[in-house]
């Protein structure tokens, strides 16, 4: 299992930048996928970007060319660099990790969330 703690949220102006960080502790080698999700006020939580243990990265269309997901090696910190921010990027950003817990038998899938960090884009 792993534990996740997000940081780096705050207030930014339209066109500005923020860098979010997701600190990972625990059995990092058990992770297969780390993703950033966003939940805007009154809306459901939605996927923003993902990175695999092999460092394959994917983005939703609305953030392509503006956001970059990256991770250290090993994946003890996963970042989300957000540039050219828009008001619609406002929301609580959550880090999510999926993998297989291999500390003991039987191996079990895990799906872990951080506590979230607020991002507000406003002039």
N, C-alpha and C. Protein backbone atom coordinates (compact mmCIF):
# COMPACT_ATOMS: atom_id res chain seq x y z
N UNK A 1 0.85 -1.20 0.00
CA UNK A 1 0.00 0.00 0.00
C UNK A 1 0.88 1.24 0.00
N UNK A 2 0.28 2.35 -0.46
CA UNK A 2 1.00 3.62 -0.47
C UNK A 2 0.11 4.68 0.19
N UNK A 3 0.76 5.77 0.57
CA UNK A 3 0.06 6.94 1.10
C UNK A 3 0.45 8.14 0.22
N UNK A 4 -0.51 9.03 0.00
CA UNK A 4 -0.32 10.15 -0.91
C UNK A 4 -0.62 11.47 -0.20
N UNK A 5 0.24 12.47 -0.42
CA UNK A 5 0.00 13.80 0.14
C UNK A 5 0.26 14.83 -0.96
N UNK A 6 -0.79 15.60 -1.31
CA UNK A 6 -0.66 16.62 -2.35
C UNK A 6 -0.23 17.95 -1.74
N UNK A 7 0.44 18.76 -2.56
CA UNK A 7 0.81 20.12 -2.17
C UNK A 7 0.95 20.97 -3.42
N UNK A 8 1.06 22.28 -3.23
CA UNK A 8 1.33 23.18 -4.35
C UNK A 8 0.14 23.94 -4.86
N UNK A 9 -1.04 23.68 -4.33
CA UNK A 9 -2.21 24.43 -4.79
C UNK A 9 -2.16 25.86 -4.31
N UNK A 10 -3.09 26.67 -4.82
CA UNK A 10 -3.16 28.07 -4.43
C UNK A 10 -3.94 28.88 -5.42
N UNK A 11 -3.72 30.18 -5.38
CA UNK A 11 -4.40 31.11 -6.27
C UNK A 11 -3.47 31.52 -7.40
N UNK A 12 -3.97 31.47 -8.62
CA UNK A 12 -3.21 31.91 -9.78
C UNK A 12 -4.11 32.75 -10.68
N UNK A 13 -3.50 33.65 -11.42
CA UNK A 13 -4.24 34.45 -12.38
C UNK A 13 -4.40 33.69 -13.68
N UNK A 14 -5.42 33.98 -14.46
CA UNK A 14 -5.53 33.38 -15.79
C UNK A 14 -4.25 33.61 -16.59
N UNK A 15 -3.77 32.54 -17.22
CA UNK A 15 -2.50 32.61 -17.94
C UNK A 15 -1.30 32.28 -17.09
N UNK A 16 -1.49 32.15 -15.79
CA UNK A 16 -0.40 31.85 -14.88
C UNK A 16 -0.09 30.37 -14.79
N UNK A 17 0.79 30.03 -13.84
CA UNK A 17 1.24 28.65 -13.68
C UNK A 17 1.23 28.25 -12.22
N UNK A 18 1.05 26.96 -11.99
CA UNK A 18 1.20 26.34 -10.69
C UNK A 18 1.82 24.96 -10.90
N UNK A 19 2.52 24.49 -9.89
CA UNK A 19 3.09 23.14 -9.93
C UNK A 19 2.61 22.38 -8.71
N UNK A 20 1.86 21.32 -8.96
CA UNK A 20 1.39 20.46 -7.89
C UNK A 20 2.36 19.31 -7.69
N UNK A 21 2.46 18.84 -6.45
CA UNK A 21 3.29 17.69 -6.13
C UNK A 21 2.49 16.67 -5.34
N UNK A 22 2.72 15.41 -5.62
CA UNK A 22 2.09 14.31 -4.89
C UNK A 22 3.22 13.49 -4.29
N UNK A 23 3.38 13.59 -2.98
CA UNK A 23 4.43 12.83 -2.29
C UNK A 23 3.90 11.44 -1.96
N UNK A 24 4.66 10.44 -2.37
CA UNK A 24 4.25 9.05 -2.20
C UNK A 24 5.13 8.38 -1.16
N UNK A 25 4.51 7.68 -0.22
CA UNK A 25 5.26 6.90 0.75
C UNK A 25 4.66 5.51 0.81
N UNK A 26 5.46 4.56 1.31
CA UNK A 26 5.01 3.18 1.36
C UNK A 26 5.70 2.36 0.29
N UNK A 27 5.02 1.34 -0.18
CA UNK A 27 5.59 0.40 -1.14
C UNK A 27 5.48 0.96 -2.56
N UNK A 28 6.44 1.85 -2.90
CA UNK A 28 6.38 2.54 -4.19
C UNK A 28 6.44 1.55 -5.35
N UNK A 29 7.18 0.47 -5.19
CA UNK A 29 7.34 -0.51 -6.27
C UNK A 29 6.04 -1.19 -6.63
N UNK A 30 5.02 -1.12 -5.75
CA UNK A 30 3.74 -1.77 -6.02
C UNK A 30 2.83 -0.93 -6.91
N UNK A 31 3.20 0.34 -7.14
CA UNK A 31 2.35 1.20 -7.95
C UNK A 31 2.46 0.88 -9.42
N UNK A 32 1.33 0.93 -10.12
CA UNK A 32 1.31 0.72 -11.56
C UNK A 32 0.89 1.98 -12.30
N UNK A 33 0.10 2.85 -11.63
CA UNK A 33 -0.45 4.02 -12.31
C UNK A 33 -0.69 5.10 -11.27
N UNK A 34 -0.28 6.34 -11.59
CA UNK A 34 -0.59 7.49 -10.76
C UNK A 34 -1.29 8.52 -11.63
N UNK A 35 -2.38 9.08 -11.12
CA UNK A 35 -3.17 10.02 -11.89
C UNK A 35 -3.51 11.26 -11.07
N UNK A 36 -3.74 12.34 -11.77
CA UNK A 36 -4.30 13.55 -11.16
C UNK A 36 -5.75 13.68 -11.62
N UNK A 37 -6.62 13.95 -10.65
CA UNK A 37 -8.03 14.20 -10.92
C UNK A 37 -8.37 15.62 -10.45
N UNK A 38 -9.46 16.14 -10.98
CA UNK A 38 -9.91 17.48 -10.63
C UNK A 38 -11.40 17.42 -10.33
N UNK A 39 -11.81 18.11 -9.27
CA UNK A 39 -13.23 18.23 -8.95
C UNK A 39 -13.58 19.70 -8.80
N UNK A 40 -14.33 20.21 -9.77
CA UNK A 40 -14.79 21.59 -9.72
C UNK A 40 -16.03 21.67 -8.84
N UNK A 41 -16.34 22.85 -8.32
CA UNK A 41 -17.52 23.00 -7.47
C UNK A 41 -18.79 22.52 -8.16
N UNK A 42 -19.52 21.64 -7.50
CA UNK A 42 -20.78 21.15 -8.03
C UNK A 42 -20.64 20.12 -9.14
N UNK A 43 -19.42 19.67 -9.39
CA UNK A 43 -19.21 18.70 -10.47
C UNK A 43 -18.57 17.43 -9.92
N UNK A 44 -18.64 16.38 -10.72
CA UNK A 44 -18.00 15.13 -10.33
C UNK A 44 -16.49 15.22 -10.56
N UNK A 45 -15.78 14.38 -9.83
CA UNK A 45 -14.34 14.30 -10.00
C UNK A 45 -14.02 13.72 -11.36
N UNK A 46 -13.08 14.36 -12.08
CA UNK A 46 -12.72 13.90 -13.42
C UNK A 46 -11.23 13.77 -13.60
N UNK A 47 -10.83 12.84 -14.46
CA UNK A 47 -9.43 12.57 -14.72
C UNK A 47 -8.79 13.72 -15.49
N UNK A 48 -7.57 14.07 -15.12
CA UNK A 48 -6.82 15.13 -15.80
C UNK A 48 -5.62 14.55 -16.55
N UNK A 49 -4.81 13.76 -15.86
CA UNK A 49 -3.59 13.21 -16.47
C UNK A 49 -3.17 11.97 -15.71
N UNK A 50 -2.46 11.06 -16.41
CA UNK A 50 -1.98 9.83 -15.81
C UNK A 50 -0.56 9.55 -16.26
N UNK A 51 0.17 8.84 -15.40
CA UNK A 51 1.52 8.37 -15.73
C UNK A 51 1.67 6.96 -15.20
N UNK A 52 2.22 6.07 -16.05
CA UNK A 52 2.41 4.69 -15.63
C UNK A 52 3.77 4.51 -14.95
N UNK A 53 3.97 3.33 -14.37
CA UNK A 53 5.27 3.04 -13.75
C UNK A 53 6.38 3.09 -14.78
N UNK A 54 6.05 2.83 -16.05
CA UNK A 54 7.02 2.92 -17.13
C UNK A 54 7.11 4.33 -17.71
N UNK A 55 6.44 5.29 -17.09
CA UNK A 55 6.48 6.71 -17.45
C UNK A 55 5.82 7.01 -18.79
N UNK A 56 4.79 6.25 -19.14
CA UNK A 56 3.91 6.63 -20.24
C UNK A 56 2.91 7.64 -19.70
N UNK A 57 2.71 8.75 -20.41
CA UNK A 57 1.87 9.85 -19.94
C UNK A 57 0.71 10.09 -20.90
N UNK A 58 -0.45 10.39 -20.34
CA UNK A 58 -1.63 10.72 -21.13
C UNK A 58 -2.39 11.85 -20.46
N UNK A 59 -3.13 12.63 -21.29
CA UNK A 59 -3.86 13.80 -20.81
C UNK A 59 -5.26 13.84 -21.40
N UNK A 60 -6.18 14.45 -20.67
CA UNK A 60 -7.47 14.73 -21.27
C UNK A 60 -7.29 15.89 -22.23
N UNK A 61 -8.19 15.99 -23.21
CA UNK A 61 -8.04 16.98 -24.28
C UNK A 61 -7.98 18.41 -23.74
N UNK A 62 -8.72 18.71 -22.69
CA UNK A 62 -8.82 20.09 -22.22
C UNK A 62 -7.52 20.62 -21.63
N UNK A 63 -6.56 19.75 -21.30
CA UNK A 63 -5.30 20.23 -20.71
C UNK A 63 -4.09 19.93 -21.59
N UNK A 64 -4.28 19.26 -22.72
CA UNK A 64 -3.16 18.94 -23.60
C UNK A 64 -2.46 20.22 -24.05
N UNK A 65 -1.12 20.20 -23.99
CA UNK A 65 -0.34 21.35 -24.38
C UNK A 65 -0.17 22.37 -23.28
N UNK A 66 -0.92 22.22 -22.19
CA UNK A 66 -0.82 23.17 -21.08
C UNK A 66 -0.29 22.52 -19.79
N UNK A 67 -0.68 21.28 -19.55
CA UNK A 67 -0.28 20.56 -18.32
C UNK A 67 0.74 19.49 -18.67
N UNK A 68 1.64 19.23 -17.74
CA UNK A 68 2.63 18.17 -17.90
C UNK A 68 2.71 17.37 -16.61
N UNK A 69 2.52 16.05 -16.73
CA UNK A 69 2.67 15.16 -15.60
C UNK A 69 4.07 14.54 -15.68
N UNK A 70 4.73 14.43 -14.53
CA UNK A 70 6.07 13.84 -14.50
C UNK A 70 6.28 13.18 -13.15
N UNK A 71 7.31 12.38 -13.07
CA UNK A 71 7.58 11.66 -11.81
C UNK A 71 9.07 11.46 -11.66
N UNK A 72 9.49 11.45 -10.40
CA UNK A 72 10.88 11.12 -10.12
C UNK A 72 11.06 9.61 -10.29
N UNK A 73 12.34 9.20 -10.35
CA UNK A 73 12.67 7.78 -10.44
C UNK A 73 13.47 7.42 -9.19
N UNK A 74 12.97 6.58 -8.28
CA UNK A 74 11.65 5.95 -8.29
C UNK A 74 10.53 6.96 -8.09
N UNK A 75 9.28 6.52 -8.23
CA UNK A 75 8.14 7.43 -8.25
C UNK A 75 7.73 7.84 -6.84
N UNK A 76 8.66 8.47 -6.10
CA UNK A 76 8.29 8.92 -4.77
C UNK A 76 7.66 10.30 -4.77
N UNK A 77 7.71 11.00 -5.90
CA UNK A 77 6.98 12.25 -6.07
C UNK A 77 6.48 12.33 -7.51
N UNK A 78 5.21 12.67 -7.68
CA UNK A 78 4.62 12.86 -9.00
C UNK A 78 4.15 14.31 -9.08
N UNK A 79 4.50 14.97 -10.18
CA UNK A 79 4.21 16.39 -10.34
C UNK A 79 3.14 16.63 -11.40
N UNK A 80 2.46 17.74 -11.29
CA UNK A 80 1.58 18.23 -12.35
C UNK A 80 1.92 19.70 -12.56
N UNK A 81 2.64 19.98 -13.65
CA UNK A 81 2.96 21.35 -14.01
C UNK A 81 1.81 21.91 -14.82
N UNK A 82 1.22 23.00 -14.35
CA UNK A 82 0.05 23.57 -15.00
C UNK A 82 0.39 24.97 -15.50
N UNK A 83 0.40 25.14 -16.81
CA UNK A 83 0.68 26.43 -17.44
C UNK A 83 -0.55 26.94 -18.16
N UNK A 84 -0.52 28.22 -18.52
CA UNK A 84 -1.63 28.85 -19.25
C UNK A 84 -2.97 28.53 -18.58
N UNK A 85 -3.02 28.72 -17.28
CA UNK A 85 -4.20 28.35 -16.51
C UNK A 85 -5.43 29.16 -16.94
N UNK A 86 -6.57 28.49 -16.87
CA UNK A 86 -7.86 29.10 -17.20
C UNK A 86 -8.78 29.01 -15.99
N UNK A 87 -9.81 29.82 -15.97
CA UNK A 87 -10.74 29.80 -14.84
C UNK A 87 -11.39 28.43 -14.69
N UNK A 88 -11.58 27.74 -15.79
CA UNK A 88 -12.20 26.41 -15.73
C UNK A 88 -11.27 25.35 -15.15
N UNK A 89 -10.03 25.69 -14.89
CA UNK A 89 -9.11 24.76 -14.22
C UNK A 89 -9.30 24.79 -12.70
N UNK A 90 -10.11 25.69 -12.22
CA UNK A 90 -10.37 25.80 -10.79
C UNK A 90 -11.01 24.53 -10.25
N UNK A 91 -10.53 24.09 -9.09
CA UNK A 91 -11.10 22.92 -8.45
C UNK A 91 -10.14 22.34 -7.43
N UNK A 92 -10.56 21.27 -6.80
CA UNK A 92 -9.69 20.53 -5.90
C UNK A 92 -9.01 19.44 -6.73
N UNK A 93 -7.70 19.40 -6.65
CA UNK A 93 -6.91 18.42 -7.40
C UNK A 93 -6.48 17.29 -6.47
N UNK A 94 -6.78 16.07 -6.92
CA UNK A 94 -6.48 14.88 -6.13
C UNK A 94 -5.47 14.00 -6.85
N UNK A 95 -4.57 13.42 -6.09
CA UNK A 95 -3.64 12.42 -6.59
C UNK A 95 -4.22 11.04 -6.30
N UNK A 96 -4.09 10.13 -7.26
CA UNK A 96 -4.61 8.77 -7.11
C UNK A 96 -3.56 7.77 -7.55
N UNK A 97 -3.39 6.71 -6.80
CA UNK A 97 -2.45 5.66 -7.15
C UNK A 97 -3.16 4.31 -7.19
N UNK A 98 -2.86 3.55 -8.21
CA UNK A 98 -3.40 2.20 -8.35
C UNK A 98 -2.23 1.22 -8.48
N UNK A 99 -2.42 0.03 -7.92
CA UNK A 99 -1.37 -0.97 -8.02
C UNK A 99 -1.79 -2.26 -7.38
N UNK A 100 -0.81 -3.07 -7.06
CA UNK A 100 -1.05 -4.35 -6.42
C UNK A 100 -0.20 -4.43 -5.16
N UNK A 101 -0.85 -4.65 -4.02
CA UNK A 101 -0.14 -4.78 -2.75
C UNK A 101 0.47 -6.18 -2.67
N UNK A 102 1.79 -6.24 -2.60
CA UNK A 102 2.49 -7.52 -2.63
C UNK A 102 3.20 -7.85 -1.32
N UNK A 103 2.85 -7.13 -0.24
CA UNK A 103 3.55 -7.37 1.03
C UNK A 103 3.29 -8.76 1.57
N UNK A 104 2.11 -9.31 1.29
CA UNK A 104 1.78 -10.65 1.78
C UNK A 104 0.73 -11.24 0.87
N UNK A 105 0.55 -12.54 0.94
CA UNK A 105 -0.50 -13.20 0.18
C UNK A 105 -1.83 -13.09 0.92
N UNK A 106 -2.96 -13.00 0.22
CA UNK A 106 -3.06 -12.90 -1.24
C UNK A 106 -2.75 -11.47 -1.71
N UNK A 107 -2.18 -11.36 -2.90
CA UNK A 107 -1.96 -10.04 -3.48
C UNK A 107 -3.32 -9.39 -3.73
N UNK A 108 -3.42 -8.10 -3.44
CA UNK A 108 -4.68 -7.40 -3.62
C UNK A 108 -4.46 -6.08 -4.35
N UNK A 109 -5.43 -5.74 -5.21
CA UNK A 109 -5.39 -4.43 -5.86
C UNK A 109 -5.61 -3.33 -4.83
N UNK A 110 -4.97 -2.19 -5.03
CA UNK A 110 -5.29 -1.03 -4.21
C UNK A 110 -5.57 0.17 -5.09
N UNK A 111 -6.35 1.09 -4.54
CA UNK A 111 -6.76 2.32 -5.24
C UNK A 111 -6.80 3.40 -4.16
N UNK A 112 -5.75 4.20 -4.10
CA UNK A 112 -5.54 5.12 -2.97
C UNK A 112 -5.63 6.57 -3.42
N UNK A 113 -6.26 7.41 -2.56
CA UNK A 113 -6.42 8.83 -2.86
C UNK A 113 -5.69 9.69 -1.82
N UNK A 114 -5.21 10.83 -2.27
CA UNK A 114 -4.72 11.84 -1.35
C UNK A 114 -5.87 12.70 -0.86
N UNK A 115 -5.53 13.70 -0.03
CA UNK A 115 -6.57 14.53 0.58
C UNK A 115 -7.02 15.68 -0.31
N UNK A 116 -6.24 15.96 -1.36
CA UNK A 116 -6.60 17.02 -2.30
C UNK A 116 -5.95 18.35 -1.98
N UNK A 117 -5.78 19.18 -3.02
CA UNK A 117 -5.23 20.52 -2.86
C UNK A 117 -6.04 21.47 -3.74
N UNK A 118 -6.40 22.62 -3.19
CA UNK A 118 -7.27 23.56 -3.90
C UNK A 118 -6.47 24.40 -4.89
N UNK A 119 -6.99 24.49 -6.10
CA UNK A 119 -6.44 25.39 -7.13
C UNK A 119 -7.54 26.35 -7.54
N UNK A 120 -7.25 27.64 -7.44
CA UNK A 120 -8.21 28.66 -7.83
C UNK A 120 -7.56 29.57 -8.87
N UNK A 121 -8.21 29.67 -10.04
CA UNK A 121 -7.71 30.53 -11.10
C UNK A 121 -8.68 31.68 -11.25
N UNK A 122 -8.21 32.87 -10.89
CA UNK A 122 -9.08 34.03 -10.89
C UNK A 122 -8.24 35.30 -10.95
N UNK A 123 -8.79 36.31 -11.59
CA UNK A 123 -8.10 37.61 -11.63
C UNK A 123 -8.57 38.49 -10.46
